[in-house]
Amino acid sequence: MGADADRAPAVLVILGATATGKTAIAFEVAKRLDGEILSADSRAFFAGLDIVTDKPATTQRAAIRHHLVDRVPLDGDYDAMAFRRDVEELVPEIAGRDRVPILVGGGTVYLGAVLHGLFEGPGRCPRIRERLEVKSSQELHDALREVDAASAAAIHVNDRLRLVRALEVYEATGRPMSAWQRDAKPLPFPSLRIGLQREREEHRGMIAARVQAMIHNGLVDEAACLRELGLHPKMQAYRTIGVPEALACLDGRISSEEMEERIVRRTWTLARRQIAWFRRDESVCWIDVSGRAAKDLAETIVETWQRWREQG
């Protein structure tokens, strides 16, 4: 697909909760459309988090160009605004190579920054953050509910990163973050949004199987290596589901069975939050992936994309 002079390049978005098959399906779609993939997986951005995030295989990345995987070092930070800037730069570049930009992932904060908009906001304020960081997650959530009920309703009580940021924005500007976000605008690229969903019990089973595969493939050893490289609890990468549990198992604080159970439980909780968030976007075209092969699903998505482009 070329970048026509009289219109912005179009983007194919493949979104969905964790363990809905996005990676395999997007790979097959990219092969058929001559596309390049932009990752919107909020933990695949970090170098070193390979097994725990189930990153695309090296063979896939060699065959199809993947952007933003390993975007930042293990000890780095990568927020939604940085992601938005990267996508805004990459989409025209990809289209200029006569390739289809395919945005793939389940990172709701990051996808929201591109598809719905994000305000720049004030910079980080160490003084405010230092005071907020000592509070419990429940205290942060209660405080946010008092000053910004809309943001509190949208942010899970255990999502400390977003709770602190929302309170920081309010204290720094005197205006709720939800009010700022209403003024935000999406990136100026037309997009077809394809959502992947699974039947509930199959989805739970896929999550369990994925966690078992991660453990079998060396999750605990990967966590040990990451700690040797300096990974610690204050890093953004440390908060990846599976990392704290693997380190707790490594230290003998929990059994391997309990590690697996905790990761499965946390992953299913994440999936439910993702599903609820995606369902609020009425422009998403949903496809049930239950029991279907990636190649078959890719054909359906390609046909949908082609019809959409013809109509556009």
C-alpha atoms as a PDB file:
ATOM      1  CA  MET A   1       0.000   0.000   0.000  1.00  0.00           C
ATOM      2  CA  GLY A   2       1.535   3.301  -1.037  1.00  0.00           C
ATOM      3  CA  ALA A   3       1.177   6.548   0.882  1.00  0.00           C
ATOM      4  CA  ASP A   4      -1.123   8.507  -1.418  1.00  0.00           C
ATOM      5  CA  ALA A   5      -0.275  12.170  -1.649  1.00  0.00           C
ATOM      6  CA  ASP A   6      -3.829  13.245  -0.955  1.00  0.00           C
ATOM      7  CA  ARG A   7      -4.569  11.134   2.093  1.00  0.00           C
ATOM      8  CA  ALA A   8      -2.973   9.841   5.260  1.00  0.00           C
ATOM      9  CA  PRO A   9      -1.709   6.249   5.296  1.00  0.00           C
ATOM     10  CA  ALA A  10      -4.176   3.704   6.639  1.00  0.00           C
ATOM     11  CA  VAL A  11      -3.380   1.374   9.525  1.00  0.00           C
ATOM     12  CA  LEU A  12      -4.629  -2.130  10.205  1.00  0.00           C
ATOM     13  CA  VAL A  13      -5.062  -2.625  13.948  1.00  0.00           C
ATOM     14  CA  ILE A  14      -5.238  -6.145  15.385  1.00  0.00           C
ATOM     15  CA  LEU A  15      -6.068  -5.957  19.072  1.00  0.00           C
ATOM     16  CA  GLY A  16      -7.282  -8.277  21.777  1.00  0.00           C
ATOM     17  CA  ALA A  17      -6.649  -9.609  25.231  1.00  0.00           C
ATOM     18  CA  THR A  18      -3.595 -11.668  26.037  1.00  0.00           C
ATOM     19  CA  ALA A  19      -3.635 -15.249  24.695  1.00  0.00           C
ATOM     20  CA  THR A  20      -6.000 -14.598  21.787  1.00  0.00           C
ATOM     21  CA  GLY A  21      -3.396 -15.495  19.169  1.00  0.00           C
ATOM     22  CA  LYS A  22      -2.491 -11.977  18.006  1.00  0.00           C
ATOM     23  CA  THR A  23       1.177 -12.724  17.282  1.00  0.00           C
ATOM     24  CA  ALA A  24       0.598 -15.754  15.046  1.00  0.00           C
ATOM     25  CA  ILE A  25      -2.385 -14.239  13.266  1.00  0.00           C
ATOM     26  CA  ALA A  26      -0.680 -10.892  12.649  1.00  0.00           C
ATOM     27  CA  PHE A  27       2.333 -12.702  11.210  1.00  0.00           C
ATOM     28  CA  GLU A  28       0.131 -14.516   8.699  1.00  0.00           C
ATOM     29  CA  VAL A  29      -1.706 -11.293   7.842  1.00  0.00           C
ATOM     30  CA  ALA A  30       1.576  -9.434   7.309  1.00  0.00           C
ATOM     31  CA  LYS A  31       2.780 -12.128   4.907  1.00  0.00           C
ATOM     32  CA  ARG A  32      -0.379 -11.779   2.822  1.00  0.00           C
ATOM     33  CA  LEU A  33      -0.505  -7.982   2.810  1.00  0.00           C
ATOM     34  CA  ASP A  34       3.226  -7.300   2.556  1.00  0.00           C
ATOM     35  CA  GLY A  35       2.980  -5.578   5.906  1.00  0.00           C
ATOM     36  CA  GLU A  36       5.222  -4.517   8.760  1.00  0.00           C
ATOM     37  CA  ILE A  37       4.203  -5.034  12.378  1.00  0.00           C
ATOM     38  CA  LEU A  38       4.262  -2.393  15.094  1.00  0.00           C
ATOM     39  CA  SER A  39       4.086  -3.989  18.515  1.00  0.00           C
ATOM     40  CA  ALA A  40       1.650  -2.603  21.076  1.00  0.00           C
ATOM     41  CA  ASP A  41       2.563  -5.203  23.693  1.00  0.00           C
ATOM     42  CA  SER A  42       3.389  -3.137  26.760  1.00  0.00           C
ATOM     43  CA  ARG A  43       6.139  -5.498  27.949  1.00  0.00           C
ATOM     44  CA  ALA A  44       7.634  -6.626  24.626  1.00  0.00           C
ATOM     45  CA  PHE A  45       9.078  -3.111  24.414  1.00  0.00           C
ATOM     46  CA  PHE A  46      11.738  -4.151  26.953  1.00  0.00           C
ATOM     47  CA  ALA A  47      14.887  -5.956  25.868  1.00  0.00           C
ATOM     48  CA  GLY A  48      15.494  -9.150  27.835  1.00  0.00           C
ATOM     49  CA  LEU A  49      11.855  -9.928  28.613  1.00  0.00           C
ATOM     50  CA  ASP A  50      11.674 -12.707  26.059  1.00  0.00           C
ATOM     51  CA  ILE A  51      10.125 -15.856  27.525  1.00  0.00           C
ATOM     52  CA  VAL A  52       7.944 -14.012  30.019  1.00  0.00           C
ATOM     53  CA  THR A  53       6.327 -11.908  27.276  1.00  0.00           C
ATOM     54  CA  ASP A  54       6.221 -14.644  24.618  1.00  0.00           C
ATOM     55  CA  LYS A  55       7.813 -12.346  22.047  1.00  0.00           C
ATOM     56  CA  PRO A  56       7.595 -13.179  18.340  1.00  0.00           C
ATOM     57  CA  ALA A  57      10.062 -15.912  17.419  1.00  0.00           C
ATOM     58  CA  THR A  58      13.356 -14.917  15.827  1.00  0.00           C
ATOM     59  CA  THR A  59      12.257 -16.672  12.633  1.00  0.00           C
ATOM     60  CA  GLN A  60       9.110 -14.539  12.512  1.00  0.00           C
ATOM     61  CA  ARG A  61      11.063 -11.354  13.117  1.00  0.00           C
ATOM     62  CA  ALA A  62      13.511 -12.318  10.379  1.00  0.00           C
ATOM     63  CA  ALA A  63      10.700 -12.942   7.895  1.00  0.00           C
ATOM     64  CA  ILE A  64       8.514  -9.934   8.752  1.00  0.00           C
ATOM     65  CA  ARG A  65       9.840  -6.631  10.031  1.00  0.00           C
ATOM     66  CA  HIS A  66       8.708  -5.980  13.612  1.00  0.00           C
ATOM     67  CA  HIS A  67       8.967  -2.513  15.119  1.00  0.00           C
ATOM     68  CA  LEU A  68       9.137  -1.525  18.806  1.00  0.00           C
ATOM     69  CA  VAL A  69      10.010  -5.020  20.080  1.00  0.00           C
ATOM     70  CA  ASP A  70      13.069  -4.532  22.339  1.00  0.00           C
ATOM     71  CA  ARG A  71      12.545  -0.790  21.914  1.00  0.00           C
ATOM     72  CA  VAL A  72      14.068   0.126  25.291  1.00  0.00           C
ATOM     73  CA  PRO A  73      16.708  -1.420  27.570  1.00  0.00           C
ATOM     74  CA  LEU A  74      15.730  -3.459  30.590  1.00  0.00           C
ATOM     75  CA  ASP A  75      16.218  -0.535  32.963  1.00  0.00           C
ATOM     76  CA  GLY A  76      14.491   1.993  30.708  1.00  0.00           C
ATOM     77  CA  ASP A  77      11.088   3.659  30.832  1.00  0.00           C
ATOM     78  CA  TYR A  78       8.659   3.782  27.943  1.00  0.00           C
ATOM     79  CA  ASP A  79       5.374   5.562  28.377  1.00  0.00           C
ATOM     80  CA  ALA A  80       2.320   5.994  26.189  1.00  0.00           C
ATOM     81  CA  MET A  81       3.435   9.367  24.877  1.00  0.00           C
ATOM     82  CA  ALA A  82       6.776   7.943  23.700  1.00  0.00           C
ATOM     83  CA  PHE A  83       4.873   5.110  22.023  1.00  0.00           C
ATOM     84  CA  ARG A  84       2.538   7.548  20.305  1.00  0.00           C
ATOM     85  CA  ARG A  85       5.464   9.559  18.968  1.00  0.00           C
ATOM     86  CA  ASP A  86       7.124   6.400  17.653  1.00  0.00           C
ATOM     87  CA  VAL A  87       3.960   5.219  15.913  1.00  0.00           C
ATOM     88  CA  GLU A  88       3.368   8.669  14.426  1.00  0.00           C
ATOM     89  CA  GLU A  89       6.839   8.530  12.905  1.00  0.00           C
ATOM     90  CA  LEU A  90       6.812   4.871  11.829  1.00  0.00           C
ATOM     91  CA  VAL A  91       3.432   4.678  10.080  1.00  0.00           C
ATOM     92  CA  PRO A  92       4.332   7.088   7.223  1.00  0.00           C
ATOM     93  CA  GLU A  93       7.760   5.441   6.895  1.00  0.00           C
ATOM     94  CA  ILE A  94       6.201   1.985   6.481  1.00  0.00           C
ATOM     95  CA  ALA A  95       3.548   3.233   4.067  1.00  0.00           C
ATOM     96  CA  GLY A  96       6.262   5.040   2.118  1.00  0.00           C
ATOM     97  CA  ARG A  97       7.875   1.638   1.481  1.00  0.00           C
ATOM     98  CA  ASP A  98       4.554   0.449   0.001  1.00  0.00           C
ATOM     99  CA  ARG A  99       3.958  -1.730   3.057  1.00  0.00           C
ATOM    100  CA  VAL A 100       0.877  -1.970   5.238  1.00  0.00           C
ATOM    101  CA  PRO A 101       1.401  -0.715   8.821  1.00  0.00           C
ATOM    102  CA  ILE A 102      -0.111  -3.337  11.142  1.00  0.00           C
ATOM    103  CA  LEU A 103      -0.466  -2.267  14.774  1.00  0.00           C
ATOM    104  CA  VAL A 104      -0.744  -5.354  16.975  1.00  0.00           C
ATOM    105  CA  GLY A 105      -1.154  -5.810  20.702  1.00  0.00           C
ATOM    106  CA  GLY A 106      -3.173  -5.673  23.858  1.00  0.00           C
ATOM    107  CA  GLY A 107      -1.554  -2.795  25.730  1.00  0.00           C
ATOM    108  CA  THR A 108      -4.640  -0.713  26.439  1.00  0.00           C
ATOM    109  CA  VAL A 109      -2.819   2.409  27.629  1.00  0.00           C
ATOM    110  CA  TYR A 110      -0.556   2.420  24.587  1.00  0.00           C
ATOM    111  CA  LEU A 111      -3.291   1.621  22.082  1.00  0.00           C
ATOM    112  CA  GLY A 112      -5.486   4.253  23.685  1.00  0.00           C
ATOM    113  CA  ALA A 113      -2.797   6.882  23.139  1.00  0.00           C
ATOM    114  CA  VAL A 114      -2.877   6.200  19.402  1.00  0.00           C
ATOM    115  CA  LEU A 115      -6.518   5.322  18.754  1.00  0.00           C
ATOM    116  CA  HIS A 116      -8.231   7.744  21.147  1.00  0.00           C
ATOM    117  CA  GLY A 117      -5.618  10.356  21.932  1.00  0.00           C
ATOM    118  CA  LEU A 118      -3.376  11.390  24.780  1.00  0.00           C
ATOM    119  CA  PHE A 119      -2.539  14.763  26.206  1.00  0.00           C
ATOM    120  CA  GLU A 120       1.094  15.705  26.740  1.00  0.00           C
ATOM    121  CA  GLY A 121       0.586  16.508  30.411  1.00  0.00           C
ATOM    122  CA  PRO A 122       3.098  17.935  32.852  1.00  0.00           C
ATOM    123  CA  GLY A 123       6.491  16.344  33.283  1.00  0.00           C
ATOM    124  CA  ARG A 124       7.273  14.109  36.214  1.00  0.00           C
ATOM    125  CA  CYS A 125       7.448  15.862  39.553  1.00  0.00           C
ATOM    126  CA  PRO A 126       9.776  13.986  41.953  1.00  0.00           C
ATOM    127  CA  ARG A 127       8.402  15.865  44.968  1.00  0.00           C
ATOM    128  CA  ILE A 128       4.822  14.802  44.287  1.00  0.00           C
ATOM    129  CA  ARG A 129       5.797  11.259  43.311  1.00  0.00           C
ATOM    130  CA  GLU A 130       7.872  10.730  46.423  1.00  0.00           C
ATOM    131  CA  ARG A 131       4.865  11.554  48.572  1.00  0.00           C
ATOM    132  CA  LEU A 132       2.495   9.372  46.555  1.00  0.00           C
ATOM    133  CA  GLU A 133       4.767   6.329  46.272  1.00  0.00           C
ATOM    134  CA  VAL A 134       4.648   5.627  50.013  1.00  0.00           C
ATOM    135  CA  LYS A 135       0.864   5.166  49.942  1.00  0.00           C
ATOM    136  CA  SER A 136      -0.802   1.816  49.417  1.00  0.00           C
ATOM    137  CA  SER A 137      -2.596   1.082  46.146  1.00  0.00           C
ATOM    138  CA  GLN A 138      -5.958   1.309  47.911  1.00  0.00           C
ATOM    139  CA  GLU A 139      -5.065   4.685  49.411  1.00  0.00           C
ATOM    140  CA  LEU A 140      -4.038   5.960  45.980  1.00  0.00           C
ATOM    141  CA  HIS A 141      -7.257   4.721  44.419  1.00  0.00           C
ATOM    142  CA  ASP A 142      -9.376   6.277  47.178  1.00  0.00           C
ATOM    143  CA  ALA A 143      -7.562   9.597  46.806  1.00  0.00           C
ATOM    144  CA  LEU A 144      -8.068   9.562  43.043  1.00  0.00           C
ATOM    145  CA  ARG A 145     -11.765   8.794  43.419  1.00  0.00           C
ATOM    146  CA  GLU A 146     -12.124  11.981  45.474  1.00  0.00           C
ATOM    147  CA  VAL A 147     -10.645  14.258  42.809  1.00  0.00           C
ATOM    148  CA  ASP A 148     -11.173  12.367  39.540  1.00  0.00           C
ATOM    149  CA  ALA A 149     -13.946   9.778  39.698  1.00  0.00           C
ATOM    150  CA  ALA A 150     -13.797   9.081  35.958  1.00  0.00           C
ATOM    151  CA  SER A 151     -10.115   8.157  36.054  1.00  0.00           C
ATOM    152  CA  ALA A 152     -10.598   6.118  39.220  1.00  0.00           C
ATOM    153  CA  ALA A 153     -13.323   4.110  37.497  1.00  0.00           C
ATOM    154  CA  ALA A 154     -11.029   3.404  34.543  1.00  0.00           C
ATOM    155  CA  ILE A 155      -7.883   2.480  36.497  1.00  0.00           C
ATOM    156  CA  HIS A 156      -7.622  -0.769  38.431  1.00  0.00           C
ATOM    157  CA  VAL A 157      -6.820  -0.449  42.107  1.00  0.00           C
ATOM    158  CA  ASN A 158      -3.573  -2.390  41.657  1.00  0.00           C
ATOM    159  CA  ASP A 159      -2.297  -0.324  38.729  1.00  0.00           C
ATOM    160  CA  ARG A 160       0.012   1.872  40.802  1.00  0.00           C
ATOM    161  CA  LEU A 161       1.800   3.356  37.798  1.00  0.00           C
ATOM    162  CA  ARG A 162      -1.374   4.893  36.365  1.00  0.00           C
ATOM    163  CA  LEU A 163      -2.804   5.834  39.770  1.00  0.00           C
ATOM    164  CA  VAL A 164       0.310   7.792  40.670  1.00  0.00           C
ATOM    165  CA  ARG A 165       0.345   9.488  37.279  1.00  0.00           C
ATOM    166  CA  ALA A 166      -3.320  10.507  37.497  1.00  0.00           C
ATOM    167  CA  LEU A 167      -2.835  12.013  40.949  1.00  0.00           C
ATOM    168  CA  GLU A 168       0.387  13.681  39.859  1.00  0.00           C
ATOM    169  CA  VAL A 169      -1.398  15.344  36.920  1.00  0.00           C
ATOM    170  CA  TYR A 170      -4.181  16.599  39.178  1.00  0.00           C
ATOM    171  CA  GLU A 171      -1.811  17.995  41.799  1.00  0.00           C
ATOM    172  CA  ALA A 172       0.463  19.595  39.210  1.00  0.00           C
ATOM    173  CA  THR A 173      -2.287  21.194  37.096  1.00  0.00           C
ATOM    174  CA  GLY A 174      -5.322  21.449  39.359  1.00  0.00           C
ATOM    175  CA  ARG A 175      -7.363  19.712  36.667  1.00  0.00           C
ATOM    176  CA  PRO A 176      -8.410  16.018  36.589  1.00  0.00           C
ATOM    177  CA  MET A 177      -6.583  13.844  34.068  1.00  0.00           C
ATOM    178  CA  SER A 178      -9.930  12.673  32.652  1.00  0.00           C
ATOM    179  CA  ALA A 179     -10.708  16.297  31.733  1.00  0.00           C
ATOM    180  CA  TRP A 180      -7.365  16.626  29.940  1.00  0.00           C
ATOM    181  CA  GLN A 181      -7.980  13.367  28.098  1.00  0.00           C
ATOM    182  CA  ARG A 182     -11.313  14.584  26.756  1.00  0.00           C
ATOM    183  CA  ASP A 183      -9.365  17.219  24.840  1.00  0.00           C
ATOM    184  CA  ALA A 184      -6.971  14.655  23.375  1.00  0.00           C
ATOM    185  CA  LYS A 185      -7.120  13.580  19.738  1.00  0.00           C
ATOM    186  CA  PRO A 186      -6.186  10.297  18.034  1.00  0.00           C
ATOM    187  CA  LEU A 187      -3.381  10.140  15.503  1.00  0.00           C
ATOM    188  CA  PRO A 188      -4.500  11.329  12.046  1.00  0.00           C
ATOM    189  CA  PHE A 189      -4.380   7.908  10.381  1.00  0.00           C
ATOM    190  CA  PRO A 190      -7.561   6.100   9.321  1.00  0.00           C
ATOM    191  CA  SER A 191      -7.635   2.646  10.858  1.00  0.00           C
ATOM    192  CA  LEU A 192      -9.509  -0.618  10.567  1.00  0.00           C
ATOM    193  CA  ARG A 193      -9.729  -2.109  14.040  1.00  0.00           C
ATOM    194  CA  ILE A 194      -9.981  -5.889  14.227  1.00  0.00           C
ATOM    195  CA  GLY A 195     -10.610  -7.372  17.668  1.00  0.00           C
ATOM    196  CA  LEU A 196      -9.805 -11.005  18.490  1.00  0.00           C
ATOM    197  CA  GLN A 197     -11.855 -12.835  21.097  1.00  0.00           C
ATOM    198  CA  ARG A 198     -12.067 -16.389  22.427  1.00  0.00           C
ATOM    199  CA  GLU A 199     -14.788 -18.395  24.071  1.00  0.00           C
ATOM    200  CA  ARG A 200     -14.322 -17.955  27.816  1.00  0.00           C
ATOM    201  CA  GLU A 201     -13.297 -21.487  28.809  1.00  0.00           C
ATOM    202  CA  GLU A 202     -11.022 -21.895  25.794  1.00  0.00           C
ATOM    203  CA  HIS A 203      -9.426 -18.561  26.672  1.00  0.00           C
ATOM    204  CA  ARG A 204      -8.747 -19.641  30.233  1.00  0.00           C
ATOM    205  CA  GLY A 205      -7.280 -22.885  28.931  1.00  0.00           C
ATOM    206  CA  MET A 206      -5.020 -21.055  26.507  1.00  0.00           C
ATOM    207  CA  ILE A 207      -3.724 -18.848  29.297  1.00  0.00           C
ATOM    208  CA  ALA A 208      -2.957 -21.889  31.458  1.00  0.00           C
ATOM    209  CA  ALA A 209      -1.196 -23.635  28.564  1.00  0.00           C
ATOM    210  CA  ARG A 210       0.807 -20.520  27.748  1.00  0.00           C
ATOM    211  CA  VAL A 211       2.011 -20.174  31.330  1.00  0.00           C
ATOM    212  CA  GLN A 212       3.015 -23.838  31.417  1.00  0.00           C
ATOM    213  CA  ALA A 213       4.978 -23.350  28.182  1.00  0.00           C
ATOM    214  CA  MET A 214       6.736 -20.284  29.613  1.00  0.00           C
ATOM    215  CA  ILE A 215       7.832 -22.264  32.658  1.00  0.00           C
ATOM    216  CA  HIS A 216       8.948 -25.211  30.532  1.00  0.00           C
ATOM    217  CA  ASN A 217      10.929 -22.883  28.250  1.00  0.00           C
ATOM    218  CA  GLY A 218      12.954 -21.436  31.116  1.00  0.00           C
ATOM    219  CA  LEU A 219      11.016 -18.623  32.768  1.00  0.00           C
ATOM    220  CA  VAL A 220      12.795 -18.979  36.118  1.00  0.00           C
ATOM    221  CA  ASP A 221      16.229 -19.051  34.492  1.00  0.00           C
ATOM    222  CA  GLU A 222      15.361 -15.949  32.472  1.00  0.00           C
ATOM    223  CA  ALA A 223      14.270 -14.145  35.650  1.00  0.00           C
ATOM    224  CA  ALA A 224      17.537 -15.117  37.343  1.00  0.00           C
ATOM    225  CA  CYS A 225      19.542 -13.716  34.424  1.00  0.00           C
ATOM    226  CA  LEU A 226      17.522 -10.506  34.463  1.00  0.00           C
ATOM    227  CA  ARG A 227      18.226 -10.029  38.158  1.00  0.00           C
ATOM    228  CA  GLU A 228      21.923 -10.509  37.491  1.00  0.00           C
ATOM    229  CA  LEU A 229      21.627  -7.764  34.877  1.00  0.00           C
ATOM    230  CA  GLY A 230      20.266  -5.437  37.552  1.00  0.00           C
ATOM    231  CA  LEU A 231      16.494  -5.867  37.371  1.00  0.00           C
ATOM    232  CA  HIS A 232      14.871  -4.612  40.565  1.00  0.00           C
ATOM    233  CA  PRO A 233      11.347  -3.767  41.788  1.00  0.00           C
ATOM    234  CA  LYS A 234      11.514  -0.056  40.947  1.00  0.00           C
ATOM    235  CA  MET A 235      11.987  -0.746  37.243  1.00  0.00           C
ATOM    236  CA  GLN A 236       9.033  -0.659  34.863  1.00  0.00           C
ATOM    237  CA  ALA A 237      10.077  -4.025  33.385  1.00  0.00           C
ATOM    238  CA  TYR A 238       9.948  -5.677  36.820  1.00  0.00           C
ATOM    239  CA  ARG A 239       6.173  -5.221  36.957  1.00  0.00           C
ATOM    240  CA  THR A 240       5.685  -7.678  34.092  1.00  0.00           C
ATOM    241  CA  ILE A 241       3.370 -10.526  35.077  1.00  0.00           C
ATOM    242  CA  GLY A 242       5.542 -13.564  35.723  1.00  0.00           C
ATOM    243  CA  VAL A 243       8.707 -11.758  36.777  1.00  0.00           C
ATOM    244  CA  PRO A 244       7.958 -11.241  40.515  1.00  0.00           C
ATOM    245  CA  GLU A 245       6.473 -14.738  40.713  1.00  0.00           C
ATOM    246  CA  ALA A 246       9.492 -16.379  39.048  1.00  0.00           C
ATOM    247  CA  LEU A 247      11.896 -14.547  41.357  1.00  0.00           C
ATOM    248  CA  ALA A 248       9.851 -15.550  44.406  1.00  0.00           C
ATOM    249  CA  CYS A 249      10.071 -19.169  43.263  1.00  0.00           C
ATOM    250  CA  LEU A 250      13.786 -18.825  42.619  1.00  0.00           C
ATOM    251  CA  ASP A 251      14.272 -17.547  46.175  1.00  0.00           C
ATOM    252  CA  GLY A 252      12.241 -20.403  47.635  1.00  0.00           C
ATOM    253  CA  ARG A 253       9.458 -18.142  48.905  1.00  0.00           C
ATOM    254  CA  ILE A 254       6.815 -19.949  46.858  1.00  0.00           C
ATOM    255  CA  SER A 255       6.664 -23.349  45.174  1.00  0.00           C
ATOM    256  CA  SER A 256       6.726 -23.858  41.427  1.00  0.00           C
ATOM    257  CA  GLU A 257       3.062 -24.870  41.596  1.00  0.00           C
ATOM    258  CA  GLU A 258       2.134 -21.666  43.410  1.00  0.00           C
ATOM    259  CA  MET A 259       4.183 -19.640  40.928  1.00  0.00           C
ATOM    260  CA  GLU A 260       2.224 -21.137  38.052  1.00  0.00           C
ATOM    261  CA  GLU A 261      -1.102 -20.600  39.815  1.00  0.00           C
ATOM    262  CA  ARG A 262      -0.326 -16.949  40.568  1.00  0.00           C
ATOM    263  CA  ILE A 263       0.776 -16.181  37.023  1.00  0.00           C
ATOM    264  CA  VAL A 264      -2.336 -17.805  35.559  1.00  0.00           C
ATOM    265  CA  ARG A 265      -4.581 -15.910  37.967  1.00  0.00           C
ATOM    266  CA  ARG A 266      -2.932 -12.545  37.295  1.00  0.00           C
ATOM    267  CA  THR A 267      -2.976 -13.126  33.543  1.00  0.00           C
ATOM    268  CA  TRP A 268      -6.678 -13.966  33.533  1.00  0.00           C
ATOM    269  CA  THR A 269      -7.406 -10.842  35.578  1.00  0.00           C
ATOM    270  CA  LEU A 270      -5.438  -8.803  33.036  1.00  0.00           C
ATOM    271  CA  ALA A 271      -7.332 -10.409  30.155  1.00  0.00           C
ATOM    272  CA  ARG A 272     -10.679  -9.519  31.709  1.00  0.00           C
ATOM    273  CA  ARG A 273      -9.620  -5.891  32.119  1.00  0.00           C
ATOM    274  CA  GLN A 274      -8.399  -5.775  28.529  1.00  0.00           C
ATOM    275  CA  ILE A 275     -11.665  -7.230  27.233  1.00  0.00           C
ATOM    276  CA  ALA A 276     -13.704  -4.673  29.166  1.00  0.00           C
ATOM    277  CA  TRP A 277     -11.552  -1.818  27.847  1.00  0.00           C
ATOM    278  CA  PHE A 278     -11.683  -2.935  24.212  1.00  0.00           C
ATOM    279  CA  ARG A 279     -15.438  -3.445  24.355  1.00  0.00           C
ATOM    280  CA  ARG A 280     -15.911   0.270  24.921  1.00  0.00           C
ATOM    281  CA  ASP A 281     -14.652   0.972  21.387  1.00  0.00           C
ATOM    282  CA  GLU A 282     -17.679   0.558  19.132  1.00  0.00           C
ATOM    283  CA  SER A 283     -15.557   0.813  15.977  1.00  0.00           C
ATOM    284  CA  VAL A 284     -13.874  -2.548  16.584  1.00  0.00           C
ATOM    285  CA  CYS A 285     -14.849  -5.396  14.244  1.00  0.00           C
ATOM    286  CA  TRP A 286     -14.794  -8.544  16.381  1.00  0.00           C
ATOM    287  CA  ILE A 287     -13.707 -11.985  15.192  1.00  0.00           C
ATOM    288  CA  ASP A 288     -14.126 -15.148  17.270  1.00  0.00           C
ATOM    289  CA  VAL A 289     -10.857 -17.087  17.038  1.00  0.00           C
ATOM    290  CA  SER A 290     -12.091 -20.097  19.033  1.00  0.00           C
ATOM    291  CA  GLY A 291     -11.075 -23.334  17.356  1.00  0.00           C
ATOM    292  CA  ARG A 292      -9.774 -21.620  14.208  1.00  0.00           C
ATOM    293  CA  ALA A 293      -6.276 -21.772  12.717  1.00  0.00           C
ATOM    294  CA  ALA A 294      -4.140 -18.642  12.354  1.00  0.00           C
ATOM    295  CA  LYS A 295      -3.968 -18.969   8.556  1.00  0.00           C
ATOM    296  CA  ASP A 296      -7.750 -19.214   8.248  1.00  0.00           C
ATOM    297  CA  LEU A 297      -8.229 -16.182  10.485  1.00  0.00           C
ATOM    298  CA  ALA A 298      -5.612 -14.263   8.524  1.00  0.00           C
ATOM    299  CA  GLU A 299      -7.574 -14.825   5.316  1.00  0.00           C
ATOM    300  CA  THR A 300     -10.703 -13.423   6.982  1.00  0.00           C
ATOM    301  CA  ILE A 301      -8.832 -10.350   8.190  1.00  0.00           C
ATOM    302  CA  VAL A 302      -7.198  -9.748   4.811  1.00  0.00           C
ATOM    303  CA  GLU A 303     -10.578  -9.924   3.065  1.00  0.00           C
ATOM    304  CA  THR A 304     -12.056  -7.504   5.593  1.00  0.00           C
ATOM    305  CA  TRP A 305      -9.126  -5.120   5.105  1.00  0.00           C
ATOM    306  CA  GLN A 306      -9.425  -5.206   1.329  1.00  0.00           C
ATOM    307  CA  ARG A 307     -13.159  -4.483   1.430  1.00  0.00           C
ATOM    308  CA  TRP A 308     -12.569  -1.632   3.860  1.00  0.00           C
ATOM    309  CA  ARG A 309      -9.882  -0.121   1.631  1.00  0.00           C
ATOM    310  CA  GLU A 310     -12.137  -0.340  -1.420  1.00  0.00           C
ATOM    311  CA  GLN A 311     -14.888   1.454   0.442  1.00  0.00           C
ATOM    312  CA  GLY A 312     -12.508   4.131   1.733  1.00  0.00           C
END
